Protein backbone atom coordinates (compact mmCIF):
# COMPACT_ATOMS: atom_id res chain seq x y z
CA UNK A 1 0.00 0.00 0.00
CA UNK A 2 1.37 3.38 -0.99
CA UNK A 3 0.75 5.63 1.97
CA UNK A 4 2.37 8.67 0.35
CA UNK A 5 -0.34 9.00 -2.31
CA UNK A 6 -3.17 11.26 -1.21
CA UNK A 7 -6.67 10.37 -2.21
CA UNK A 8 -8.84 13.11 -3.58
CA UNK A 9 -11.03 14.64 -0.89
CA UNK A 10 -14.53 15.82 -1.49
CA UNK A 11 -16.32 18.29 0.72
CA UNK A 12 -18.40 15.56 2.35
CA UNK A 13 -15.78 12.83 2.64
CA UNK A 14 -13.91 12.03 5.80
CA UNK A 15 -11.45 9.26 6.53
CA UNK A 16 -13.15 6.97 9.02
CA UNK A 17 -10.14 4.64 9.39
CA UNK A 18 -9.56 3.58 13.01
CA UNK A 19 -13.02 4.82 14.00
CA UNK A 20 -15.92 2.87 15.42
CA UNK A 21 -19.20 2.85 13.52
CA UNK A 22 -22.37 2.42 15.57
CA UNK A 23 -25.40 1.16 13.66
CA UNK A 24 -28.37 3.45 14.19
CA UNK A 25 -31.58 1.66 15.19
CA UNK A 26 -34.02 1.50 12.31
CA UNK A 27 -31.41 2.70 9.81
CA UNK A 28 -29.17 -0.38 9.55
CA UNK A 29 -30.93 -3.70 9.13
CA UNK A 30 -30.02 -7.32 8.47
CA UNK A 31 -26.87 -8.83 9.89
CA UNK A 32 -25.29 -5.43 10.65
CA UNK A 33 -28.17 -4.14 12.81
CA UNK A 34 -27.07 -3.12 16.33
CA UNK A 35 -23.40 -3.60 15.51
CA UNK A 36 -20.24 -1.78 16.46
CA UNK A 37 -17.73 -1.92 13.61
CA UNK A 38 -14.04 -1.04 13.81
CA UNK A 39 -13.08 0.55 10.48
CA UNK A 40 -9.70 -0.86 9.52
CA UNK A 41 -9.36 1.03 6.26
CA UNK A 42 -11.37 3.73 4.50
CA UNK A 43 -10.16 5.13 1.19
CA UNK A 44 -11.67 6.47 -2.01
CA UNK A 45 -11.99 2.85 -3.14
CA UNK A 46 -14.18 1.79 -0.23
CA UNK A 47 -13.95 0.63 3.36
CA UNK A 48 -13.25 -2.53 5.34
CA UNK A 49 -14.28 -3.04 8.94
CA UNK A 50 -14.79 -5.72 11.59
CA UNK A 51 -17.87 -6.18 13.76
CA UNK A 52 -16.59 -6.23 17.35
CA UNK A 53 -19.75 -6.93 19.35
CA UNK A 54 -21.28 -10.05 17.81
CA UNK A 55 -19.68 -13.26 19.16
CA UNK A 56 -20.27 -16.59 17.47
CA UNK A 57 -20.58 -19.90 19.29
CA UNK A 58 -17.00 -20.76 18.24
CA UNK A 59 -14.12 -20.11 20.64
CA UNK A 60 -10.54 -19.30 19.68
CA UNK A 61 -9.61 -22.78 20.94
CA UNK A 62 -12.23 -24.36 18.64
CA UNK A 63 -10.89 -22.37 15.70
CA UNK A 64 -7.28 -23.36 16.41
CA UNK A 65 -8.29 -27.05 16.53
CA UNK A 66 -10.26 -26.71 13.28
CA UNK A 67 -7.15 -25.50 11.47
CA UNK A 68 -5.04 -28.29 13.00
CA UNK A 69 -3.06 -26.22 15.49
CA UNK A 70 -2.31 -28.03 18.74
CA UNK A 71 -2.98 -26.03 21.88
CA UNK A 72 -0.14 -25.92 24.36
CA UNK A 73 -0.61 -25.63 28.10
CA UNK A 74 0.56 -22.02 27.72
CA UNK A 75 -2.36 -21.08 25.44
CA UNK A 76 -4.21 -19.98 28.57
CA UNK A 77 -7.61 -18.29 28.81
CA UNK A 78 -7.43 -16.93 25.25
CA UNK A 79 -8.64 -20.34 24.06
CA UNK A 80 -12.03 -19.56 25.63
CA UNK A 81 -12.36 -16.14 23.95
CA UNK A 82 -15.21 -16.00 21.44
CA UNK A 83 -14.58 -15.72 17.72
CA UNK A 84 -16.67 -12.83 16.40
CA UNK A 85 -18.85 -12.51 13.32
CA UNK A 86 -16.72 -9.88 11.60
CA UNK A 87 -19.19 -9.19 8.81
CA UNK A 88 -20.95 -10.85 5.90
CA UNK A 89 -18.00 -10.85 3.45
CA UNK A 90 -15.62 -13.86 3.30
CA UNK A 91 -17.07 -15.52 6.41
CA UNK A 92 -14.72 -18.48 5.91
CA UNK A 93 -11.65 -16.27 6.36
CA UNK A 94 -10.11 -15.27 9.69
CA UNK A 95 -9.06 -11.76 10.67
CA UNK A 96 -7.14 -10.96 13.85
CA UNK A 97 -7.15 -7.46 15.31
CA UNK A 98 -4.37 -7.21 17.88
CA UNK A 99 -1.91 -5.22 19.97
CA UNK A 100 1.01 -5.03 20.12
CA UNK A 101 1.56 -4.98 16.37
CA UNK A 102 4.23 -7.74 16.15
CA UNK A 103 6.01 -8.89 13.01
CA UNK A 104 3.51 -11.19 11.29
CA UNK A 105 3.76 -11.95 7.59
CA UNK A 106 0.42 -10.52 6.49
CA UNK A 107 -0.37 -7.52 8.70
CA UNK A 108 -1.56 -3.98 8.22
CA UNK A 109 -0.60 -1.56 10.97
CA UNK A 110 -3.51 0.59 12.13
CA UNK A 111 -2.03 3.02 14.62
CA UNK A 112 -1.09 1.03 17.72
CA UNK A 113 -3.05 -2.06 16.62
CA UNK A 114 -2.70 -4.32 13.59
CA UNK A 115 -4.94 -6.45 11.40
CA UNK A 116 -3.38 -9.80 10.54
CA UNK A 117 -4.71 -12.46 8.20
CA UNK A 118 -1.78 -14.89 8.14
CA UNK A 119 -1.63 -18.22 9.95
CA UNK A 120 1.56 -17.33 11.86
CA UNK A 121 -0.35 -15.24 14.42
CA UNK A 122 -2.66 -18.17 15.21
CA UNK A 123 0.37 -20.44 15.55
CA UNK A 124 1.76 -18.03 18.17
CA UNK A 125 -1.62 -17.93 19.96
CA UNK A 126 -1.73 -21.74 20.09
CA UNK A 127 1.75 -21.74 21.68
CA UNK A 128 0.78 -19.08 24.22
CA UNK A 129 3.04 -16.52 22.53
CA UNK A 130 0.36 -14.44 20.80
CA UNK A 131 -0.32 -10.73 21.26
CA UNK A 132 -1.45 -9.55 24.69
CA UNK A 133 -4.69 -8.17 23.22
CA UNK A 134 -6.56 -9.78 20.36
CA UNK A 135 -9.96 -10.07 18.75
CA UNK A 136 -10.55 -12.83 16.19
CA UNK A 137 -13.29 -12.59 13.57
CA UNK A 138 -14.59 -14.65 10.71
CA UNK A 139 -15.53 -12.39 7.83
CA UNK A 140 -15.59 -8.62 7.49
CA UNK A 141 -17.90 -5.77 6.59
CA UNK A 142 -17.12 -4.06 3.31
CA UNK A 143 -18.31 -1.02 1.40
CA UNK A 144 -17.63 -0.05 -2.20
CA UNK A 145 -16.44 3.36 -3.33
CA UNK A 146 -18.73 6.05 -1.92
CA UNK A 147 -21.08 3.54 -0.25
CA UNK A 148 -20.09 4.25 3.36
CA UNK A 149 -20.14 8.01 2.71
CA UNK A 150 -23.68 7.64 1.36
CA UNK A 151 -24.78 5.65 4.42
CA UNK A 152 -23.19 8.23 6.73
CA UNK A 153 -25.08 11.04 4.95
CA UNK A 154 -28.32 9.11 5.59
CA UNK A 155 -27.47 8.95 9.32
CA UNK A 156 -27.21 5.16 9.26
CA UNK A 157 -24.07 5.23 11.41
CA UNK A 158 -22.58 7.29 14.19
CA UNK A 159 -18.79 7.35 14.41
CA UNK A 160 -16.48 7.77 17.37
CA UNK A 161 -12.74 7.32 17.88
CA UNK A 162 -11.78 3.75 18.65
CA UNK A 163 -9.86 2.85 21.78
CA UNK A 164 -8.04 -0.31 22.77
CA UNK A 165 -10.19 -0.36 25.89
CA UNK A 166 -13.38 -0.76 23.85
CA UNK A 167 -11.74 -3.10 21.32
CA UNK A 168 -10.17 -5.51 23.77
CA UNK A 169 -11.17 -4.89 27.40
CA UNK A 170 -14.85 -3.93 27.41
CA UNK A 171 -17.24 -6.92 27.47
CA UNK A 172 -18.74 -7.32 24.00
CA UNK A 173 -22.29 -6.65 25.22
CA UNK A 174 -21.19 -3.27 26.62
CA UNK A 175 -19.22 -2.02 23.60
CA UNK A 176 -22.15 -0.26 21.90
CA UNK A 177 -23.12 1.63 25.07
CA UNK A 178 -19.50 2.45 25.92
CA UNK A 179 -18.87 3.90 22.45
CA UNK A 180 -22.13 5.89 22.59
CA UNK A 181 -21.20 7.29 25.99
CA UNK A 182 -18.07 8.82 24.40
CA UNK A 183 -20.49 10.92 22.35
CA UNK A 184 -22.52 11.79 25.43
CA UNK A 185 -25.48 9.71 24.24
CA UNK A 186 -27.52 7.38 26.42
CA UNK A 187 -28.42 4.21 24.43
CA UNK A 188 -31.93 4.34 25.90
CA UNK A 189 -32.47 7.64 24.07
CA UNK A 190 -32.02 5.97 20.67
CA UNK A 191 -34.99 4.39 18.98
CA UNK A 192 -35.59 3.09 15.51
CA UNK A 193 -39.24 4.08 15.50
CA UNK A 194 -40.63 7.52 14.97
CA UNK A 195 -43.23 8.62 17.48
CA UNK A 196 -46.84 7.96 16.54
CA UNK A 197 -49.84 9.81 17.94
C-alpha atoms as a PDB file:
ATOM      1  CA  UNK A   1       0.000   0.000   0.000  1.00  0.00           C
ATOM      2  CA  UNK A   2       1.368   3.384  -0.994  1.00  0.00           C
ATOM      3  CA  UNK A   3       0.754   5.632   1.974  1.00  0.00           C
ATOM      4  CA  UNK A   4       2.374   8.668   0.345  1.00  0.00           C
ATOM      5  CA  UNK A   5      -0.338   9.001  -2.309  1.00  0.00           C
ATOM      6  CA  UNK A   6      -3.172  11.265  -1.214  1.00  0.00           C
ATOM      7  CA  UNK A   7      -6.666  10.371  -2.210  1.00  0.00           C
ATOM      8  CA  UNK A   8      -8.843  13.115  -3.583  1.00  0.00           C
ATOM      9  CA  UNK A   9     -11.027  14.637  -0.888  1.00  0.00           C
ATOM     10  CA  UNK A  10     -14.533  15.820  -1.492  1.00  0.00           C
ATOM     11  CA  UNK A  11     -16.322  18.287   0.721  1.00  0.00           C
ATOM     12  CA  UNK A  12     -18.395  15.563   2.353  1.00  0.00           C
ATOM     13  CA  UNK A  13     -15.783  12.827   2.639  1.00  0.00           C
ATOM     14  CA  UNK A  14     -13.912  12.026   5.802  1.00  0.00           C
ATOM     15  CA  UNK A  15     -11.453   9.263   6.533  1.00  0.00           C
ATOM     16  CA  UNK A  16     -13.155   6.969   9.023  1.00  0.00           C
ATOM     17  CA  UNK A  17     -10.139   4.644   9.388  1.00  0.00           C
ATOM     18  CA  UNK A  18      -9.562   3.579  13.005  1.00  0.00           C
ATOM     19  CA  UNK A  19     -13.023   4.823  14.000  1.00  0.00           C
ATOM     20  CA  UNK A  20     -15.925   2.869  15.422  1.00  0.00           C
ATOM     21  CA  UNK A  21     -19.200   2.853  13.521  1.00  0.00           C
ATOM     22  CA  UNK A  22     -22.373   2.419  15.566  1.00  0.00           C
ATOM     23  CA  UNK A  23     -25.402   1.155  13.661  1.00  0.00           C
ATOM     24  CA  UNK A  24     -28.365   3.449  14.193  1.00  0.00           C
ATOM     25  CA  UNK A  25     -31.578   1.663  15.191  1.00  0.00           C
ATOM     26  CA  UNK A  26     -34.022   1.499  12.314  1.00  0.00           C
ATOM     27  CA  UNK A  27     -31.408   2.695   9.808  1.00  0.00           C
ATOM     28  CA  UNK A  28     -29.170  -0.380   9.550  1.00  0.00           C
ATOM     29  CA  UNK A  29     -30.933  -3.704   9.134  1.00  0.00           C
ATOM     30  CA  UNK A  30     -30.023  -7.320   8.466  1.00  0.00           C
ATOM     31  CA  UNK A  31     -26.872  -8.829   9.889  1.00  0.00           C
ATOM     32  CA  UNK A  32     -25.293  -5.434  10.651  1.00  0.00           C
ATOM     33  CA  UNK A  33     -28.170  -4.139  12.806  1.00  0.00           C
ATOM     34  CA  UNK A  34     -27.070  -3.123  16.325  1.00  0.00           C
ATOM     35  CA  UNK A  35     -23.398  -3.597  15.506  1.00  0.00           C
ATOM     36  CA  UNK A  36     -20.240  -1.785  16.462  1.00  0.00           C
ATOM     37  CA  UNK A  37     -17.730  -1.919  13.609  1.00  0.00           C
ATOM     38  CA  UNK A  38     -14.045  -1.043  13.811  1.00  0.00           C
ATOM     39  CA  UNK A  39     -13.081   0.552  10.481  1.00  0.00           C
ATOM     40  CA  UNK A  40      -9.701  -0.859   9.522  1.00  0.00           C
ATOM     41  CA  UNK A  41      -9.362   1.029   6.257  1.00  0.00           C
ATOM     42  CA  UNK A  42     -11.369   3.734   4.497  1.00  0.00           C
ATOM     43  CA  UNK A  43     -10.158   5.132   1.185  1.00  0.00           C
ATOM     44  CA  UNK A  44     -11.667   6.474  -2.005  1.00  0.00           C
ATOM     45  CA  UNK A  45     -11.987   2.855  -3.144  1.00  0.00           C
ATOM     46  CA  UNK A  46     -14.182   1.787  -0.230  1.00  0.00           C
ATOM     47  CA  UNK A  47     -13.953   0.634   3.358  1.00  0.00           C
ATOM     48  CA  UNK A  48     -13.250  -2.527   5.340  1.00  0.00           C
ATOM     49  CA  UNK A  49     -14.278  -3.036   8.943  1.00  0.00           C
ATOM     50  CA  UNK A  50     -14.791  -5.715  11.586  1.00  0.00           C
ATOM     51  CA  UNK A  51     -17.867  -6.184  13.761  1.00  0.00           C
ATOM     52  CA  UNK A  52     -16.586  -6.234  17.352  1.00  0.00           C
ATOM     53  CA  UNK A  53     -19.751  -6.930  19.347  1.00  0.00           C
ATOM     54  CA  UNK A  54     -21.281 -10.049  17.812  1.00  0.00           C
ATOM     55  CA  UNK A  55     -19.681 -13.257  19.160  1.00  0.00           C
ATOM     56  CA  UNK A  56     -20.274 -16.587  17.467  1.00  0.00           C
ATOM     57  CA  UNK A  57     -20.584 -19.901  19.293  1.00  0.00           C
ATOM     58  CA  UNK A  58     -17.003 -20.756  18.238  1.00  0.00           C
ATOM     59  CA  UNK A  59     -14.124 -20.107  20.639  1.00  0.00           C
ATOM     60  CA  UNK A  60     -10.543 -19.298  19.679  1.00  0.00           C
ATOM     61  CA  UNK A  61      -9.610 -22.781  20.938  1.00  0.00           C
ATOM     62  CA  UNK A  62     -12.231 -24.357  18.644  1.00  0.00           C
ATOM     63  CA  UNK A  63     -10.888 -22.372  15.696  1.00  0.00           C
ATOM     64  CA  UNK A  64      -7.281 -23.360  16.406  1.00  0.00           C
ATOM     65  CA  UNK A  65      -8.287 -27.045  16.527  1.00  0.00           C
ATOM     66  CA  UNK A  66     -10.261 -26.714  13.276  1.00  0.00           C
ATOM     67  CA  UNK A  67      -7.147 -25.498  11.471  1.00  0.00           C
ATOM     68  CA  UNK A  68      -5.042 -28.294  12.996  1.00  0.00           C
ATOM     69  CA  UNK A  69      -3.064 -26.222  15.492  1.00  0.00           C
ATOM     70  CA  UNK A  70      -2.312 -28.031  18.739  1.00  0.00           C
ATOM     71  CA  UNK A  71      -2.977 -26.030  21.876  1.00  0.00           C
ATOM     72  CA  UNK A  72      -0.135 -25.920  24.364  1.00  0.00           C
ATOM     73  CA  UNK A  73      -0.607 -25.633  28.104  1.00  0.00           C
ATOM     74  CA  UNK A  74       0.555 -22.024  27.722  1.00  0.00           C
ATOM     75  CA  UNK A  75      -2.362 -21.080  25.441  1.00  0.00           C
ATOM     76  CA  UNK A  76      -4.211 -19.980  28.568  1.00  0.00           C
ATOM     77  CA  UNK A  77      -7.608 -18.285  28.810  1.00  0.00           C
ATOM     78  CA  UNK A  78      -7.433 -16.926  25.247  1.00  0.00           C
ATOM     79  CA  UNK A  79      -8.640 -20.337  24.059  1.00  0.00           C
ATOM     80  CA  UNK A  80     -12.032 -19.561  25.626  1.00  0.00           C
ATOM     81  CA  UNK A  81     -12.355 -16.135  23.954  1.00  0.00           C
ATOM     82  CA  UNK A  82     -15.208 -15.997  21.443  1.00  0.00           C
ATOM     83  CA  UNK A  83     -14.576 -15.720  17.725  1.00  0.00           C
ATOM     84  CA  UNK A  84     -16.670 -12.831  16.398  1.00  0.00           C
ATOM     85  CA  UNK A  85     -18.852 -12.509  13.319  1.00  0.00           C
ATOM     86  CA  UNK A  86     -16.721  -9.884  11.603  1.00  0.00           C
ATOM     87  CA  UNK A  87     -19.194  -9.193   8.814  1.00  0.00           C
ATOM     88  CA  UNK A  88     -20.953 -10.848   5.897  1.00  0.00           C
ATOM     89  CA  UNK A  89     -17.996 -10.851   3.454  1.00  0.00           C
ATOM     90  CA  UNK A  90     -15.616 -13.859   3.299  1.00  0.00           C
ATOM     91  CA  UNK A  91     -17.067 -15.516   6.408  1.00  0.00           C
ATOM     92  CA  UNK A  92     -14.723 -18.478   5.910  1.00  0.00           C
ATOM     93  CA  UNK A  93     -11.652 -16.274   6.360  1.00  0.00           C
ATOM     94  CA  UNK A  94     -10.110 -15.269   9.690  1.00  0.00           C
ATOM     95  CA  UNK A  95      -9.056 -11.757  10.674  1.00  0.00           C
ATOM     96  CA  UNK A  96      -7.140 -10.962  13.852  1.00  0.00           C
ATOM     97  CA  UNK A  97      -7.148  -7.457  15.310  1.00  0.00           C
ATOM     98  CA  UNK A  98      -4.367  -7.212  17.885  1.00  0.00           C
ATOM     99  CA  UNK A  99      -1.913  -5.224  19.971  1.00  0.00           C
ATOM    100  CA  UNK A 100       1.010  -5.027  20.120  1.00  0.00           C
ATOM    101  CA  UNK A 101       1.562  -4.984  16.366  1.00  0.00           C
ATOM    102  CA  UNK A 102       4.230  -7.736  16.149  1.00  0.00           C
ATOM    103  CA  UNK A 103       6.006  -8.893  13.007  1.00  0.00           C
ATOM    104  CA  UNK A 104       3.514 -11.186  11.293  1.00  0.00           C
ATOM    105  CA  UNK A 105       3.760 -11.953   7.593  1.00  0.00           C
ATOM    106  CA  UNK A 106       0.418 -10.524   6.492  1.00  0.00           C
ATOM    107  CA  UNK A 107      -0.369  -7.521   8.698  1.00  0.00           C
ATOM    108  CA  UNK A 108      -1.556  -3.978   8.219  1.00  0.00           C
ATOM    109  CA  UNK A 109      -0.599  -1.560  10.969  1.00  0.00           C
ATOM    110  CA  UNK A 110      -3.506   0.593  12.128  1.00  0.00           C
ATOM    111  CA  UNK A 111      -2.029   3.020  14.620  1.00  0.00           C
ATOM    112  CA  UNK A 112      -1.087   1.027  17.719  1.00  0.00           C
ATOM    113  CA  UNK A 113      -3.055  -2.063  16.616  1.00  0.00           C
ATOM    114  CA  UNK A 114      -2.703  -4.315  13.590  1.00  0.00           C
ATOM    115  CA  UNK A 115      -4.936  -6.448  11.400  1.00  0.00           C
ATOM    116  CA  UNK A 116      -3.376  -9.799  10.544  1.00  0.00           C
ATOM    117  CA  UNK A 117      -4.709 -12.460   8.201  1.00  0.00           C
ATOM    118  CA  UNK A 118      -1.776 -14.886   8.140  1.00  0.00           C
ATOM    119  CA  UNK A 119      -1.627 -18.220   9.951  1.00  0.00           C
ATOM    120  CA  UNK A 120       1.561 -17.327  11.864  1.00  0.00           C
ATOM    121  CA  UNK A 121      -0.347 -15.241  14.418  1.00  0.00           C
ATOM    122  CA  UNK A 122      -2.656 -18.174  15.208  1.00  0.00           C
ATOM    123  CA  UNK A 123       0.372 -20.439  15.554  1.00  0.00           C
ATOM    124  CA  UNK A 124       1.756 -18.029  18.167  1.00  0.00           C
ATOM    125  CA  UNK A 125      -1.620 -17.927  19.960  1.00  0.00           C
ATOM    126  CA  UNK A 126      -1.730 -21.737  20.093  1.00  0.00           C
ATOM    127  CA  UNK A 127       1.750 -21.743  21.679  1.00  0.00           C
ATOM    128  CA  UNK A 128       0.776 -19.083  24.216  1.00  0.00           C
ATOM    129  CA  UNK A 129       3.039 -16.517  22.530  1.00  0.00           C
ATOM    130  CA  UNK A 130       0.359 -14.440  20.799  1.00  0.00           C
ATOM    131  CA  UNK A 131      -0.318 -10.733  21.263  1.00  0.00           C
ATOM    132  CA  UNK A 132      -1.452  -9.550  24.693  1.00  0.00           C
ATOM    133  CA  UNK A 133      -4.691  -8.174  23.217  1.00  0.00           C
ATOM    134  CA  UNK A 134      -6.563  -9.781  20.359  1.00  0.00           C
ATOM    135  CA  UNK A 135      -9.959 -10.068  18.747  1.00  0.00           C
ATOM    136  CA  UNK A 136     -10.552 -12.829  16.187  1.00  0.00           C
ATOM    137  CA  UNK A 137     -13.291 -12.587  13.569  1.00  0.00           C
ATOM    138  CA  UNK A 138     -14.591 -14.647  10.708  1.00  0.00           C
ATOM    139  CA  UNK A 139     -15.534 -12.387   7.826  1.00  0.00           C
ATOM    140  CA  UNK A 140     -15.590  -8.622   7.490  1.00  0.00           C
ATOM    141  CA  UNK A 141     -17.902  -5.766   6.592  1.00  0.00           C
ATOM    142  CA  UNK A 142     -17.123  -4.062   3.309  1.00  0.00           C
ATOM    143  CA  UNK A 143     -18.313  -1.017   1.404  1.00  0.00           C
ATOM    144  CA  UNK A 144     -17.632  -0.049  -2.196  1.00  0.00           C
ATOM    145  CA  UNK A 145     -16.441   3.360  -3.329  1.00  0.00           C
ATOM    146  CA  UNK A 146     -18.731   6.048  -1.917  1.00  0.00           C
ATOM    147  CA  UNK A 147     -21.076   3.540  -0.249  1.00  0.00           C
ATOM    148  CA  UNK A 148     -20.091   4.252   3.361  1.00  0.00           C
ATOM    149  CA  UNK A 149     -20.137   8.008   2.711  1.00  0.00           C
ATOM    150  CA  UNK A 150     -23.679   7.639   1.360  1.00  0.00           C
ATOM    151  CA  UNK A 151     -24.781   5.646   4.417  1.00  0.00           C
ATOM    152  CA  UNK A 152     -23.193   8.229   6.726  1.00  0.00           C
ATOM    153  CA  UNK A 153     -25.081  11.041   4.948  1.00  0.00           C
ATOM    154  CA  UNK A 154     -28.319   9.108   5.590  1.00  0.00           C
ATOM    155  CA  UNK A 155     -27.468   8.953   9.324  1.00  0.00           C
ATOM    156  CA  UNK A 156     -27.214   5.158   9.262  1.00  0.00           C
ATOM    157  CA  UNK A 157     -24.066   5.226  11.414  1.00  0.00           C
ATOM    158  CA  UNK A 158     -22.578   7.285  14.190  1.00  0.00           C
ATOM    159  CA  UNK A 159     -18.795   7.353  14.409  1.00  0.00           C
ATOM    160  CA  UNK A 160     -16.476   7.769  17.366  1.00  0.00           C
ATOM    161  CA  UNK A 161     -12.738   7.324  17.876  1.00  0.00           C
ATOM    162  CA  UNK A 162     -11.776   3.754  18.645  1.00  0.00           C
ATOM    163  CA  UNK A 163      -9.861   2.853  21.784  1.00  0.00           C
ATOM    164  CA  UNK A 164      -8.036  -0.309  22.774  1.00  0.00           C
ATOM    165  CA  UNK A 165     -10.189  -0.364  25.894  1.00  0.00           C
ATOM    166  CA  UNK A 166     -13.380  -0.759  23.846  1.00  0.00           C
ATOM    167  CA  UNK A 167     -11.736  -3.105  21.321  1.00  0.00           C
ATOM    168  CA  UNK A 168     -10.166  -5.513  23.773  1.00  0.00           C
ATOM    169  CA  UNK A 169     -11.167  -4.893  27.401  1.00  0.00           C
ATOM    170  CA  UNK A 170     -14.849  -3.928  27.411  1.00  0.00           C
ATOM    171  CA  UNK A 171     -17.243  -6.923  27.470  1.00  0.00           C
ATOM    172  CA  UNK A 172     -18.742  -7.323  23.995  1.00  0.00           C
ATOM    173  CA  UNK A 173     -22.288  -6.651  25.218  1.00  0.00           C
ATOM    174  CA  UNK A 174     -21.189  -3.266  26.617  1.00  0.00           C
ATOM    175  CA  UNK A 175     -19.219  -2.021  23.596  1.00  0.00           C
ATOM    176  CA  UNK A 176     -22.146  -0.260  21.902  1.00  0.00           C
ATOM    177  CA  UNK A 177     -23.116   1.631  25.066  1.00  0.00           C
ATOM    178  CA  UNK A 178     -19.502   2.446  25.923  1.00  0.00           C
ATOM    179  CA  UNK A 179     -18.870   3.899  22.452  1.00  0.00           C
ATOM    180  CA  UNK A 180     -22.129   5.889  22.595  1.00  0.00           C
ATOM    181  CA  UNK A 181     -21.197   7.288  25.992  1.00  0.00           C
ATOM    182  CA  UNK A 182     -18.067   8.823  24.401  1.00  0.00           C
ATOM    183  CA  UNK A 183     -20.492  10.919  22.345  1.00  0.00           C
ATOM    184  CA  UNK A 184     -22.524  11.787  25.434  1.00  0.00           C
ATOM    185  CA  UNK A 185     -25.476   9.712  24.237  1.00  0.00           C
ATOM    186  CA  UNK A 186     -27.522   7.377  26.423  1.00  0.00           C
ATOM    187  CA  UNK A 187     -28.415   4.212  24.426  1.00  0.00           C
ATOM    188  CA  UNK A 188     -31.926   4.341  25.899  1.00  0.00           C
ATOM    189  CA  UNK A 189     -32.473   7.636  24.070  1.00  0.00           C
ATOM    190  CA  UNK A 190     -32.025   5.969  20.673  1.00  0.00           C
ATOM    191  CA  UNK A 191     -34.993   4.388  18.976  1.00  0.00           C
ATOM    192  CA  UNK A 192     -35.587   3.091  15.514  1.00  0.00           C
ATOM    193  CA  UNK A 193     -39.237   4.085  15.505  1.00  0.00           C
ATOM    194  CA  UNK A 194     -40.634   7.521  14.968  1.00  0.00           C
ATOM    195  CA  UNK A 195     -43.231   8.625  17.479  1.00  0.00           C
ATOM    196  CA  UNK A 196     -46.845   7.964  16.543  1.00  0.00           C
ATOM    197  CA  UNK A 197     -49.836   9.813  17.944  1.00  0.00           C
END
